[in-house]
Structure formats: structure tokens, C-alpha cells
């Protein structure tokens, strides 16, 4: 799977529209800053982008770095899980091998003892 960093503002944009109840509008108004220019839409966008991990200043290079870091962390997590799984499989195989060898050795000892009793 190829991961491409997402640069904010690149590509096409989509319009989102939804209704808020009065108490939600009031909560949104409390979050307004001068940069929102009294626009609840800009406030909602800023808050949503912040929740997604994008800085509100619109710096594309920072957005790219954040996205690349998120992708890097996810890849490292997947690799760590894969490595742990592979190591666990090897550990399980070694454990089974040791147990089988031990069981075979026990059977051989028992056979040797019985053969010794028969020859005596």
C-alpha cells in the first residue's frame, strides 16, 4: 500500500452542511476567535481541522509534516506488530520442538529401562 502525504488545500474541496441545535450554536459561538471574522462556518472549520490534528494557521508544510508523522507512526506500529507476531511464531515453534524432543527422550528412557528389565 502506497501512502501519499496529504497537503491541506490540495485537490478538490467538498461542501459540508449540517444543522446544529441552539445549545450547540451557542457552544460554537463561545469558541470564536477574531480570525474567524464572526463566521460560525470558519469557527467550525477551524475546530474540526484542529480535532483532525491540523494547525489552524493553514501552513501547508506543517500539515504535510503532521500527516507524514502520522503515517510514519502507523507504519512503525504495523511493523512492530508484524515483528512481534513473527517472533512469537518462532518462539512457539521452538517451544514445541523442545517439548517434542523432551517427550521423545522420556519415551527412549522408558524403552531402555524396559529393555534392560527384559534382558536381565
PDB file of N, CA and C in Angstrom:
ATOM      1  N   UNK A   1       0.845  -1.171   0.000  1.00  0.00           N
ATOM      2  CA  UNK A   1       0.000   0.000   0.000  1.00  0.00           C
ATOM      3  C   UNK A   1       0.890   1.234   0.000  1.00  0.00           C
ATOM      4  N   UNK A   2       0.668   2.157  -0.928  1.00  0.00           N
ATOM      5  CA  UNK A   2       1.444   3.385  -1.005  1.00  0.00           C
ATOM      6  C   UNK A   2       0.741   4.492  -0.239  1.00  0.00           C
ATOM      7  N   UNK A   3       1.495   5.183   0.584  1.00  0.00           N
ATOM      8  CA  UNK A   3       0.956   6.302   1.349  1.00  0.00           C
ATOM      9  C   UNK A   3       1.470   7.588   0.745  1.00  0.00           C
ATOM     10  N   UNK A   4       0.595   8.505   0.462  1.00  0.00           N
ATOM     11  CA  UNK A   4       0.953   9.817  -0.045  1.00  0.00           C
ATOM     12  C   UNK A   4       0.619  10.844   1.025  1.00  0.00           C
ATOM     13  N   UNK A   5       1.563  11.752   1.325  1.00  0.00           N
ATOM     14  CA  UNK A   5       1.225  12.782   2.300  1.00  0.00           C
ATOM     15  C   UNK A   5       0.113  13.679   1.765  1.00  0.00           C
ATOM     16  N   UNK A   6      -0.795  14.056   2.625  1.00  0.00           N
ATOM     17  CA  UNK A   6      -1.899  14.931   2.238  1.00  0.00           C
ATOM     18  C   UNK A   6      -1.501  16.356   2.559  1.00  0.00           C
ATOM     19  N   UNK A   7      -1.598  17.217   1.574  1.00  0.00           N
ATOM     20  CA  UNK A   7      -1.296  18.626   1.787  1.00  0.00           C
ATOM     21  C   UNK A   7      -2.620  19.364   1.833  1.00  0.00           C
ATOM     22  N   UNK A   8      -2.865  20.050   2.940  1.00  0.00           N
ATOM     23  CA  UNK A   8      -4.129  20.769   3.084  1.00  0.00           C
ATOM     24  C   UNK A   8      -4.276  21.767   1.951  1.00  0.00           C
ATOM     25  N   UNK A   9      -5.455  21.806   1.384  1.00  0.00           N
ATOM     26  CA  UNK A   9      -5.708  22.765   0.324  1.00  0.00           C
ATOM     27  C   UNK A   9      -5.431  22.207  -1.056  1.00  0.00           C
ATOM     28  N   UNK A  10      -4.851  21.016  -1.152  1.00  0.00           N
ATOM     29  CA  UNK A  10      -4.590  20.445  -2.468  1.00  0.00           C
ATOM     30  C   UNK A  10      -5.788  19.620  -2.902  1.00  0.00           C
ATOM     31  N   UNK A  11      -5.965  19.480  -4.192  1.00  0.00           N
ATOM     32  CA  UNK A  11      -7.070  18.673  -4.694  1.00  0.00           C
ATOM     33  C   UNK A  11      -8.375  19.436  -4.650  1.00  0.00           C
ATOM     34  N   UNK A  12      -9.456  18.694  -4.713  1.00  0.00           N
ATOM     35  CA  UNK A  12     -10.773  19.320  -4.707  1.00  0.00           C
ATOM     36  C   UNK A  12     -11.267  19.488  -3.285  1.00  0.00           C
ATOM     37  N   UNK A  13     -12.265  20.329  -3.141  1.00  0.00           N
ATOM     38  CA  UNK A  13     -12.856  20.516  -1.817  1.00  0.00           C
ATOM     39  C   UNK A  13     -14.315  20.077  -1.864  1.00  0.00           C
ATOM     40  N   UNK A  14     -14.860  19.807  -0.711  1.00  0.00           N
ATOM     41  CA  UNK A  14     -16.251  19.372  -0.573  1.00  0.00           C
ATOM     42  C   UNK A  14     -16.972  20.323   0.378  1.00  0.00           C
ATOM     43  N   UNK A  15     -18.233  20.562   0.099  1.00  0.00           N
ATOM     44  CA  UNK A  15     -19.053  21.391   0.966  1.00  0.00           C
ATOM     45  C   UNK A  15     -19.770  20.492   1.963  1.00  0.00           C
ATOM     46  N   UNK A  16     -19.662  20.823   3.240  1.00  0.00           N
ATOM     47  CA  UNK A  16     -20.370  20.088   4.284  1.00  0.00           C
ATOM     48  C   UNK A  16     -21.457  20.987   4.844  1.00  0.00           C
ATOM     49  N   UNK A  17     -22.600  20.418   5.068  1.00  0.00           N
ATOM     50  CA  UNK A  17     -23.716  21.175   5.604  1.00  0.00           C
ATOM     51  C   UNK A  17     -24.461  20.308   6.605  1.00  0.00           C
ATOM     52  N   UNK A  18     -24.712  20.868   7.785  1.00  0.00           N
ATOM     53  CA  UNK A  18     -25.478  20.146   8.792  1.00  0.00           C
ATOM     54  C   UNK A  18     -26.103  21.150   9.746  1.00  0.00           C
ATOM     55  N   UNK A  19     -27.112  20.727  10.431  1.00  0.00           N
ATOM     56  CA  UNK A  19     -27.826  21.594  11.370  1.00  0.00           C
ATOM     57  C   UNK A  19     -27.304  21.375  12.789  1.00  0.00           C
ATOM     58  N   UNK A  20     -27.327  22.466  13.547  1.00  0.00           N
ATOM     59  CA  UNK A  20     -26.963  22.406  14.958  1.00  0.00           C
ATOM     60  C   UNK A  20     -28.138  22.905  15.787  1.00  0.00           C
ATOM     61  N   UNK A  21     -28.282  22.328  16.952  1.00  0.00           N
ATOM     62  CA  UNK A  21     -29.305  22.811  17.881  1.00  0.00           C
ATOM     63  C   UNK A  21     -28.813  24.105  18.521  1.00  0.00           C
ATOM     64  N   UNK A  22     -29.718  24.852  19.119  1.00  0.00           N
ATOM     65  CA  UNK A  22     -29.372  26.163  19.687  1.00  0.00           C
ATOM     66  C   UNK A  22     -28.206  26.084  20.666  1.00  0.00           C
ATOM     67  N   UNK A  23     -28.225  25.088  21.553  1.00  0.00           N
ATOM     68  CA  UNK A  23     -27.145  24.996  22.545  1.00  0.00           C
ATOM     69  C   UNK A  23     -25.801  24.685  21.871  1.00  0.00           C
ATOM     70  N   UNK A  24     -25.834  23.968  20.740  1.00  0.00           N
ATOM     71  CA  UNK A  24     -24.599  23.676  20.007  1.00  0.00           C
ATOM     72  C   UNK A  24     -24.072  24.931  19.319  1.00  0.00           C
ATOM     73  N   UNK A  25     -24.984  25.760  18.793  1.00  0.00           N
ATOM     74  CA  UNK A  25     -24.589  27.032  18.175  1.00  0.00           C
ATOM     75  C   UNK A  25     -23.967  27.942  19.229  1.00  0.00           C
ATOM     76  N   UNK A  26     -24.577  27.981  20.409  1.00  0.00           N
ATOM     77  CA  UNK A  26     -24.031  28.804  21.494  1.00  0.00           C
ATOM     78  C   UNK A  26     -22.633  28.327  21.886  1.00  0.00           C
ATOM     79  N   UNK A  27     -22.448  27.021  21.958  1.00  0.00           N
ATOM     80  CA  UNK A  27     -21.126  26.474  22.285  1.00  0.00           C
ATOM     81  C   UNK A  27     -20.122  26.837  21.200  1.00  0.00           C
ATOM     82  N   UNK A  28     -20.551  26.798  19.951  1.00  0.00           N
ATOM     83  CA  UNK A  28     -19.674  27.155  18.836  1.00  0.00           C
ATOM     84  C   UNK A  28     -19.315  28.638  18.895  1.00  0.00           C
ATOM     85  N   UNK A  29     -20.292  29.491  19.219  1.00  0.00           N
ATOM     86  CA  UNK A  29     -20.036  30.924  19.340  1.00  0.00           C
ATOM     87  C   UNK A  29     -19.003  31.213  20.424  1.00  0.00           C
ATOM     88  N   UNK A  30     -19.028  30.436  21.501  1.00  0.00           N
ATOM     89  CA  UNK A  30     -18.058  30.629  22.579  1.00  0.00           C
ATOM     90  C   UNK A  30     -16.636  30.298  22.132  1.00  0.00           C
ATOM     91  N   UNK A  31     -16.515  29.532  21.066  1.00  0.00           N
ATOM     92  CA  UNK A  31     -15.199  29.123  20.565  1.00  0.00           C
ATOM     93  C   UNK A  31     -14.654  30.071  19.501  1.00  0.00           C
ATOM     94  N   UNK A  32     -15.425  31.103  19.134  1.00  0.00           N
ATOM     95  CA  UNK A  32     -14.994  32.007  18.071  1.00  0.00           C
ATOM     96  C   UNK A  32     -13.786  32.828  18.494  1.00  0.00           C
ATOM     97  N   UNK A  33     -12.930  33.098  17.523  1.00  0.00           N
ATOM     98  CA  UNK A  33     -11.759  33.949  17.718  1.00  0.00           C
ATOM     99  C   UNK A  33     -11.819  35.061  16.674  1.00  0.00           C
ATOM    100  N   UNK A  34     -11.019  36.123  16.831  1.00  0.00           N
ATOM    101  CA  UNK A  34     -11.020  37.197  15.830  1.00  0.00           C
ATOM    102  C   UNK A  34     -10.685  36.701  14.414  1.00  0.00           C
ATOM    103  N   UNK A  35      -9.859  35.679  14.311  1.00  0.00           N
ATOM    104  CA  UNK A  35      -9.509  35.174  12.975  1.00  0.00           C
ATOM    105  C   UNK A  35     -10.701  34.531  12.270  1.00  0.00           C
ATOM    106  N   UNK A  36     -11.731  34.155  13.023  1.00  0.00           N
ATOM    107  CA  UNK A  36     -12.935  33.563  12.430  1.00  0.00           C
ATOM    108  C   UNK A  36     -13.831  34.620  11.786  1.00  0.00           C
ATOM    109  N   UNK A  37     -13.574  35.903  12.045  1.00  0.00           N
ATOM    110  CA  UNK A  37     -14.309  37.027  11.455  1.00  0.00           C
ATOM    111  C   UNK A  37     -15.820  36.886  11.649  1.00  0.00           C
ATOM    112  N   UNK A  38     -16.224  36.513  12.846  1.00  0.00           N
ATOM    113  CA  UNK A  38     -17.643  36.356  13.192  1.00  0.00           C
ATOM    114  C   UNK A  38     -18.369  35.339  12.320  1.00  0.00           C
ATOM    115  N   UNK A  39     -17.644  34.417  11.718  1.00  0.00           N
ATOM    116  CA  UNK A  39     -18.264  33.383  10.884  1.00  0.00           C
ATOM    117  C   UNK A  39     -18.275  32.059  11.644  1.00  0.00           C
ATOM    118  N   UNK A  40     -19.482  31.557  11.910  1.00  0.00           N
ATOM    119  CA  UNK A  40     -19.572  30.261  12.582  1.00  0.00           C
ATOM    120  C   UNK A  40     -19.028  29.145  11.694  1.00  0.00           C
ATOM    121  N   UNK A  41     -19.143  29.313  10.382  1.00  0.00           N
ATOM    122  CA  UNK A  41     -18.583  28.315   9.465  1.00  0.00           C
ATOM    123  C   UNK A  41     -17.068  28.226   9.617  1.00  0.00           C
ATOM    124  N   UNK A  42     -16.399  29.401   9.685  1.00  0.00           N
ATOM    125  CA  UNK A  42     -14.944  29.401   9.860  1.00  0.00           C
ATOM    126  C   UNK A  42     -14.561  28.833  11.224  1.00  0.00           C
ATOM    127  N   UNK A  43     -15.357  29.149  12.238  1.00  0.00           N
ATOM    128  CA  UNK A  43     -15.096  28.604  13.573  1.00  0.00           C
ATOM    129  C   UNK A  43     -15.211  27.086  13.554  1.00  0.00           C
ATOM    130  N   UNK A  44     -16.285  26.581  12.955  1.00  0.00           N
ATOM    131  CA  UNK A  44     -16.489  25.131  12.882  1.00  0.00           C
ATOM    132  C   UNK A  44     -15.359  24.463  12.104  1.00  0.00           C
ATOM    133  N   UNK A  45     -14.937  25.084  10.998  1.00  0.00           N
ATOM    134  CA  UNK A  45     -13.845  24.514  10.196  1.00  0.00           C
ATOM    135  C   UNK A  45     -12.554  24.487  11.009  1.00  0.00           C
ATOM    136  N   UNK A  46     -12.251  25.591  11.693  1.00  0.00           N
ATOM    137  CA  UNK A  46     -11.023  25.660  12.492  1.00  0.00           C
ATOM    138  C   UNK A  46     -11.020  24.585  13.573  1.00  0.00           C
ATOM    139  N   UNK A  47     -12.151  24.432  14.258  1.00  0.00           N
ATOM    140  CA  UNK A  47     -12.240  23.431  15.323  1.00  0.00           C
ATOM    141  C   UNK A  47     -12.129  22.015  14.767  1.00  0.00           C
ATOM    142  N   UNK A  48     -12.773  21.767  13.636  1.00  0.00           N
ATOM    143  CA  UNK A  48     -12.698  20.442  13.018  1.00  0.00           C
ATOM    144  C   UNK A  48     -11.272  20.129  12.577  1.00  0.00           C
ATOM    145  N   UNK A  49     -10.624  21.088  11.937  1.00  0.00           N
ATOM    146  CA  UNK A  49      -9.248  20.867  11.491  1.00  0.00           C
ATOM    147  C   UNK A  49      -8.325  20.640  12.693  1.00  0.00           C
ATOM    148  N   UNK A  50      -8.564  21.386  13.768  1.00  0.00           N
ATOM    149  CA  UNK A  50      -7.776  21.180  14.980  1.00  0.00           C
ATOM    150  C   UNK A  50      -7.980  19.792  15.557  1.00  0.00           C
ATOM    151  N   UNK A  51      -9.231  19.328  15.547  1.00  0.00           N
ATOM    152  CA  UNK A  51      -9.527  17.983  16.055  1.00  0.00           C
ATOM    153  C   UNK A  51      -8.873  16.909  15.194  1.00  0.00           C
ATOM    154  N   UNK A  52      -8.699  17.202  13.908  1.00  0.00           N
ATOM    155  CA  UNK A  52      -8.047  16.254  12.998  1.00  0.00           C
ATOM    156  C   UNK A  52      -6.527  16.330  13.074  1.00  0.00           C
ATOM    157  N   UNK A  53      -6.007  17.297  13.837  1.00  0.00           N
ATOM    158  CA  UNK A  53      -4.562  17.396  14.019  1.00  0.00           C
ATOM    159  C   UNK A  53      -3.885  18.392  13.107  1.00  0.00           C
ATOM    160  N   UNK A  54      -4.667  19.207  12.404  1.00  0.00           N
ATOM    161  CA  UNK A  54      -4.082  20.206  11.523  1.00  0.00           C
ATOM    162  C   UNK A  54      -4.067  21.550  12.230  1.00  0.00           C
ATOM    163  N   UNK A  55      -2.946  22.280  12.132  1.00  0.00           N
ATOM    164  CA  UNK A  55      -2.890  23.586  12.785  1.00  0.00           C
ATOM    165  C   UNK A  55      -3.852  24.562  12.109  1.00  0.00           C
ATOM    166  N   UNK A  56      -4.328  25.536  12.863  1.00  0.00           N
ATOM    167  CA  UNK A  56      -5.326  26.463  12.340  1.00  0.00           C
ATOM    168  C   UNK A  56      -4.726  27.544  11.455  1.00  0.00           C
ATOM    169  N   UNK A  57      -3.395  27.666  11.418  1.00  0.00           N
ATOM    170  CA  UNK A  57      -2.805  28.742  10.629  1.00  0.00           C
ATOM    171  C   UNK A  57      -2.733  28.418   9.138  1.00  0.00           C
ATOM    172  N   UNK A  58      -3.119  27.212   8.752  1.00  0.00           N
ATOM    173  CA  UNK A  58      -3.162  26.874   7.334  1.00  0.00           C
ATOM    174  C   UNK A  58      -1.801  26.664   6.701  1.00  0.00           C
ATOM    175  N   UNK A  59      -0.761  26.487   7.493  1.00  0.00           N
ATOM    176  CA  UNK A  59       0.576  26.280   6.955  1.00  0.00           C
ATOM    177  C   UNK A  59       0.656  24.899   6.304  1.00  0.00           C
ATOM    178  N   UNK A  60       0.773  24.889   4.971  1.00  0.00           N
ATOM    179  CA  UNK A  60       0.745  23.624   4.240  1.00  0.00           C
ATOM    180  C   UNK A  60       1.931  22.734   4.585  1.00  0.00           C
ATOM    181  N   UNK A  61       3.107  23.315   4.789  1.00  0.00           N
ATOM    182  CA  UNK A  61       4.271  22.476   5.084  1.00  0.00           C
ATOM    183  C   UNK A  61       4.129  21.811   6.449  1.00  0.00           C
ATOM    184  N   UNK A  62       3.550  22.501   7.405  1.00  0.00           N
ATOM    185  CA  UNK A  62       3.315  21.896   8.716  1.00  0.00           C
ATOM    186  C   UNK A  62       2.289  20.778   8.587  1.00  0.00           C
ATOM    187  N   UNK A  63       1.230  21.016   7.797  1.00  0.00           N
ATOM    188  CA  UNK A  63       0.223  19.980   7.590  1.00  0.00           C
ATOM    189  C   UNK A  63       0.838  18.737   6.965  1.00  0.00           C
ATOM    190  N   UNK A  64       1.740  18.928   6.016  1.00  0.00           N
ATOM    191  CA  UNK A  64       2.406  17.795   5.374  1.00  0.00           C
ATOM    192  C   UNK A  64       3.251  17.038   6.378  1.00  0.00           C
ATOM    193  N   UNK A  65       3.999  17.760   7.208  1.00  0.00           N
ATOM    194  CA  UNK A  65       4.844  17.125   8.216  1.00  0.00           C
ATOM    195  C   UNK A  65       3.987  16.344   9.208  1.00  0.00           C
ATOM    196  N   UNK A  66       2.882  16.918   9.635  1.00  0.00           N
ATOM    197  CA  UNK A  66       1.988  16.228  10.571  1.00  0.00           C
ATOM    198  C   UNK A  66       1.463  14.948   9.947  1.00  0.00           C
ATOM    199  N   UNK A  67       1.020  15.026   8.692  1.00  0.00           N
ATOM    200  CA  UNK A  67       0.488  13.847   8.016  1.00  0.00           C
ATOM    201  C   UNK A  67       1.570  12.793   7.840  1.00  0.00           C
ATOM    202  N   UNK A  68       2.765  13.214   7.443  1.00  0.00           N
ATOM    203  CA  UNK A  68       3.866  12.262   7.284  1.00  0.00           C
ATOM    204  C   UNK A  68       4.202  11.601   8.612  1.00  0.00           C
ATOM    205  N   UNK A  69       4.170  12.349   9.696  1.00  0.00           N
ATOM    206  CA  UNK A  69       4.453  11.787  11.018  1.00  0.00           C
ATOM    207  C   UNK A  69       3.387  10.770  11.412  1.00  0.00           C
ATOM    208  N   UNK A  70       2.118  11.087  11.130  1.00  0.00           N
ATOM    209  CA  UNK A  70       1.043  10.140  11.429  1.00  0.00           C
ATOM    210  C   UNK A  70       1.214   8.851  10.638  1.00  0.00           C
ATOM    211  N   UNK A  71       1.568   8.974   9.361  1.00  0.00           N
ATOM    212  CA  UNK A  71       1.789   7.789   8.524  1.00  0.00           C
ATOM    213  C   UNK A  71       2.979   7.000   9.051  1.00  0.00           C
ATOM    214  N   UNK A  72       4.056   7.695   9.409  1.00  0.00           N
ATOM    215  CA  UNK A  72       5.247   7.028   9.938  1.00  0.00           C
ATOM    216  C   UNK A  72       4.911   6.247  11.208  1.00  0.00           C
ATOM    217  N   UNK A  73       4.157   6.859  12.110  1.00  0.00           N
ATOM    218  CA  UNK A  73       3.776   6.178  13.346  1.00  0.00           C
ATOM    219  C   UNK A  73       2.943   4.938  13.064  1.00  0.00           C
ATOM    220  N   UNK A  74       2.023   5.034  12.106  1.00  0.00           N
ATOM    221  CA  UNK A  74       1.166   3.892  11.778  1.00  0.00           C
ATOM    222  C   UNK A  74       1.986   2.762  11.163  1.00  0.00           C
ATOM    223  N   UNK A  75       2.917   3.107  10.268  1.00  0.00           N
ATOM    224  CA  UNK A  75       3.773   2.087   9.653  1.00  0.00           C
ATOM    225  C   UNK A  75       4.639   1.419  10.718  1.00  0.00           C
ATOM    226  N   UNK A  76       5.211   2.213  11.627  1.00  0.00           N
ATOM    227  CA  UNK A  76       6.033   1.645  12.698  1.00  0.00           C
ATOM    228  C   UNK A  76       5.210   0.718  13.593  1.00  0.00           C
ATOM    229  N   UNK A  77       3.962   1.102  13.870  1.00  0.00           N
ATOM    230  CA  UNK A  77       3.091   0.262  14.689  1.00  0.00           C
ATOM    231  C   UNK A  77       2.809  -1.065  13.989  1.00  0.00           C
ATOM    232  N   UNK A  78       2.515  -1.005  12.688  1.00  0.00           N
ATOM    233  CA  UNK A  78       2.227  -2.224  11.928  1.00  0.00           C
ATOM    234  C   UNK A  78       3.461  -3.112  11.867  1.00  0.00           C
ATOM    235  N   UNK A  79       4.635  -2.509  11.634  1.00  0.00           N
ATOM    236  CA  UNK A  79       5.873  -3.296  11.590  1.00  0.00           C
ATOM    237  C   UNK A  79       6.165  -3.935  12.941  1.00  0.00           C
ATOM    238  N   UNK A  80       5.928  -3.200  14.015  1.00  0.00           N
ATOM    239  CA  UNK A  80       6.164  -3.748  15.353  1.00  0.00           C
ATOM    240  C   UNK A  80       5.244  -4.928  15.615  1.00  0.00           C
ATOM    241  N   UNK A  81       3.986  -4.805  15.220  1.00  0.00           N
ATOM    242  CA  UNK A  81       3.054  -5.920  15.395  1.00  0.00           C
ATOM    243  C   UNK A  81       3.478  -7.121  14.560  1.00  0.00           C
ATOM    244  N   UNK A  82       3.910  -6.863  13.328  1.00  0.00           N
ATOM    245  CA  UNK A  82       4.348  -7.957  12.450  1.00  0.00           C
ATOM    246  C   UNK A  82       5.572  -8.640  13.033  1.00  0.00           C
ATOM    247  N   UNK A  83       6.525  -7.850  13.524  1.00  0.00           N
ATOM    248  CA  UNK A  83       7.743  -8.401  14.105  1.00  0.00           C
ATOM    249  C   UNK A  83       7.412  -9.216  15.342  1.00  0.00           C
ATOM    250  N   UNK A  84       6.554  -8.670  16.205  1.00  0.00           N
ATOM    251  CA  UNK A  84       6.177  -9.401  17.415  1.00  0.00           C
ATOM    252  C   UNK A  84       5.487 -10.708  17.072  1.00  0.00           C
ATOM    253  N   UNK A  85       4.617 -10.683  16.072  1.00  0.00           N
ATOM    254  CA  UNK A  85       3.922 -11.897  15.657  1.00  0.00           C
ATOM    255  C   UNK A  85       4.917 -12.913  15.129  1.00  0.00           C
ATOM    256  N   UNK A  86       5.869 -12.456  14.301  1.00  0.00           N
ATOM    257  CA  UNK A  86       6.867 -13.370  13.751  1.00  0.00           C
ATOM    258  C   UNK A  86       7.715 -13.963  14.869  1.00  0.00           C
ATOM    259  N   UNK A  87       8.127 -13.133  15.815  1.00  0.00           N
ATOM    260  CA  UNK A  87       8.922 -13.637  16.931  1.00  0.00           C
ATOM    261  C   UNK A  87       8.112 -14.617  17.765  1.00  0.00           C
ATOM    262  N   UNK A  88       6.860 -14.326  17.968  1.00  0.00           N
ATOM    263  CA  UNK A  88       6.018 -15.235  18.732  1.00  0.00           C
ATOM    264  C   UNK A  88       5.887 -16.572  18.027  1.00  0.00           C
ATOM    265  N   UNK A  89       5.750 -16.547  16.699  1.00  0.00           N
ATOM    266  CA  UNK A  89       5.664 -17.794  15.937  1.00  0.00           C
ATOM    267  C   UNK A  89       6.943 -18.607  16.092  1.00  0.00           C
ATOM    268  N   UNK A  90       8.108 -17.930  16.025  1.00  0.00           N
ATOM    269  CA  UNK A  90       9.393 -18.617  16.194  1.00  0.00           C
ATOM    270  C   UNK A  90       9.491 -19.182  17.603  1.00  0.00           C
ATOM    271  N   UNK A  91       9.113 -18.384  18.604  1.00  0.00           N
ATOM    272  CA  UNK A  91       9.143 -18.851  19.989  1.00  0.00           C
ATOM    273  C   UNK A  91       8.245 -20.068  20.179  1.00  0.00           C
ATOM    274  N   UNK A  92       7.069 -20.030  19.591  1.00  0.00           N
ATOM    275  CA  UNK A  92       6.142 -21.161  19.707  1.00  0.00           C
ATOM    276  C   UNK A  92       6.730 -22.396  19.044  1.00  0.00           C
ATOM    277  N   UNK A  93       7.318 -22.223  17.866  1.00  0.00           N
ATOM    278  CA  UNK A  93       7.928 -23.363  17.172  1.00  0.00           C
ATOM    279  C   UNK A  93       9.060 -23.962  18.000  1.00  0.00           C
ATOM    280  N   UNK A  94       9.897 -23.111  18.582  1.00  0.00           N
ATOM    281  CA  UNK A  94      10.995 -23.603  19.419  1.00  0.00           C
ATOM    282  C   UNK A  94      10.466 -24.317  20.659  1.00  0.00           C
ATOM    283  N   UNK A  95       9.430 -23.770  21.262  1.00  0.00           N
ATOM    284  CA  UNK A  95       8.835 -24.394  22.441  1.00  0.00           C
ATOM    285  C   UNK A  95       8.278 -25.773  22.095  1.00  0.00           C
ATOM    286  N   UNK A  96       7.557 -25.867  20.986  1.00  0.00           N
ATOM    287  CA  UNK A  96       7.006 -27.158  20.559  1.00  0.00           C
ATOM    288  C   UNK A  96       8.134 -28.140  20.279  1.00  0.00           C
ATOM    289  N   UNK A  97       9.178 -27.672  19.604  1.00  0.00           N
ATOM    290  CA  UNK A  97      10.319 -28.546  19.281  1.00  0.00           C
ATOM    291  C   UNK A  97      10.955 -29.087  20.557  1.00  0.00           C
ATOM    292  N   UNK A  98      11.176 -28.205  21.546  1.00  0.00           N
ATOM    293  CA  UNK A  98      11.776 -28.649  22.814  1.00  0.00           C
ATOM    294  C   UNK A  98      10.882 -29.658  23.525  1.00  0.00           C
ATOM    295  N   UNK A  99       9.576 -29.394  23.532  1.00  0.00           N
ATOM    296  CA  UNK A  99       8.645 -30.305  24.199  1.00  0.00           C
ATOM    297  C   UNK A  99       8.619 -31.671  23.521  1.00  0.00           C
ATOM    298  N   UNK A 100       8.636 -31.680  22.189  1.00  0.00           N
ATOM    299  CA  UNK A 100       8.636 -32.952  21.452  1.00  0.00           C
ATOM    300  C   UNK A 100       9.932 -33.710  21.721  1.00  0.00           C
ATOM    301  N   UNK A 101      11.063 -33.006  21.678  1.00  0.00           N
ATOM    302  CA  UNK A 101      12.350 -33.660  21.952  1.00  0.00           C
ATOM    303  C   UNK A 101      12.379 -34.226  23.369  1.00  0.00           C
ATOM    304  N   UNK A 102      11.842 -33.480  24.325  1.00  0.00           N
ATOM    305  CA  UNK A 102      11.795 -33.951  25.705  1.00  0.00           C
ATOM    306  C   UNK A 102      10.910 -35.189  25.830  1.00  0.00           C
ATOM    307  N   UNK A 103       9.758 -35.169  25.154  1.00  0.00           N
ATOM    308  CA  UNK A 103       8.854 -36.327  25.200  1.00  0.00           C
ATOM    309  C   UNK A 103       9.505 -37.547  24.562  1.00  0.00           C
ATOM    310  N   UNK A 104      10.213 -37.354  23.451  1.00  0.00           N
ATOM    311  CA  UNK A 104      10.907 -38.472  22.784  1.00  0.00           C
ATOM    312  C   UNK A 104      11.986 -39.033  23.699  1.00  0.00           C
ATOM    313  N   UNK A 105      12.725 -38.158  24.372  1.00  0.00           N
ATOM    314  CA  UNK A 105      13.770 -38.607  25.293  1.00  0.00           C
ATOM    315  C   UNK A 105      13.163 -39.412  26.440  1.00  0.00           C
ATOM    316  N   UNK A 106      12.009 -38.977  26.961  1.00  0.00           N
ATOM    317  CA  UNK A 106      11.329 -39.721  28.028  1.00  0.00           C
ATOM    318  C   UNK A 106      10.920 -41.110  27.548  1.00  0.00           C
ATOM    319  N   UNK A 107      10.380 -41.192  26.338  1.00  0.00           N
ATOM    320  CA  UNK A 107       9.960 -42.487  25.783  1.00  0.00           C
ATOM    321  C   UNK A 107      11.171 -43.394  25.596  1.00  0.00           C
ATOM    322  N   UNK A 108      12.284 -42.832  25.108  1.00  0.00           N
ATOM    323  CA  UNK A 108      13.501 -43.640  24.915  1.00  0.00           C
ATOM    324  C   UNK A 108      14.008 -44.186  26.253  1.00  0.00           C
ATOM    325  N   UNK A 109      14.019 -43.337  27.289  1.00  0.00           N
ATOM    326  CA  UNK A 109      14.466 -43.789  28.608  1.00  0.00           C
ATOM    327  C   UNK A 109      13.585 -44.925  29.104  1.00  0.00           C
ATOM    328  N   UNK A 110      12.279 -44.756  28.943  1.00  0.00           N
ATOM    329  CA  UNK A 110      11.357 -45.788  29.394  1.00  0.00           C
ATOM    330  C   UNK A 110      11.569 -47.086  28.616  1.00  0.00           C
ATOM    331  N   UNK A 111      11.773 -46.983  27.297  1.00  0.00           N
ATOM    332  CA  UNK A 111      12.045 -48.175  26.478  1.00  0.00           C
ATOM    333  C   UNK A 111      13.349 -48.843  26.905  1.00  0.00           C
ATOM    334  N   UNK A 112      14.382 -48.018  27.131  1.00  0.00           N
ATOM    335  CA  UNK A 112      15.668 -48.568  27.561  1.00  0.00           C
ATOM    336  C   UNK A 112      15.520 -49.298  28.892  1.00  0.00           C
ATOM    337  N   UNK A 113      14.749 -48.711  29.825  1.00  0.00           N
ATOM    338  CA  UNK A 113      14.532 -49.359  31.116  1.00  0.00           C
ATOM    339  C   UNK A 113      13.808 -50.690  30.947  1.00  0.00           C
ATOM    340  N   UNK A 114      12.797 -50.715  30.134  1.00  0.00           N
ATOM    341  CA  UNK A 114      12.035 -51.954  29.922  1.00  0.00           C
ATOM    342  C   UNK A 114      12.871 -53.005  29.201  1.00  0.00           C
ATOM    343  N   UNK A 115      13.668 -52.547  28.214  1.00  0.00           N
ATOM    344  CA  UNK A 115      14.545 -53.497  27.517  1.00  0.00           C
ATOM    345  C   UNK A 115      15.585 -54.055  28.478  1.00  0.00           C
ATOM    346  N   UNK A 116      16.066 -53.186  29.369  1.00  0.00           N
ATOM    347  CA  UNK A 116      17.025 -53.640  30.374  1.00  0.00           C
ATOM    348  C   UNK A 116      16.412 -54.666  31.303  1.00  0.00           C
ATOM    349  N   UNK A 117      15.154 -54.482  31.671  1.00  0.00           N
ATOM    350  CA  UNK A 117      14.466 -55.439  32.534  1.00  0.00           C
ATOM    351  C   UNK A 117      14.259 -56.772  31.813  1.00  0.00           C
ATOM    352  N   UNK A 118      14.002 -56.713  30.521  1.00  0.00           N
ATOM    353  CA  UNK A 118      13.784 -57.943  29.756  1.00  0.00           C
ATOM    354  C   UNK A 118      15.072 -58.745  29.591  1.00  0.00           C
ATOM    355  N   UNK A 119      16.194 -58.077  29.414  1.00  0.00           N
ATOM    356  CA  UNK A 119      17.462 -58.776  29.219  1.00  0.00           C
ATOM    357  C   UNK A 119      18.042 -59.270  30.530  1.00  0.00           C
ATOM    358  N   UNK A 120      17.624 -58.736  31.625  1.00  0.00           N
ATOM    359  CA  UNK A 120      18.176 -59.152  32.914  1.00  0.00           C
ATOM    360  C   UNK A 120      17.557 -60.386  33.447  1.00  0.00           C
TER     361      UNK A 120
END
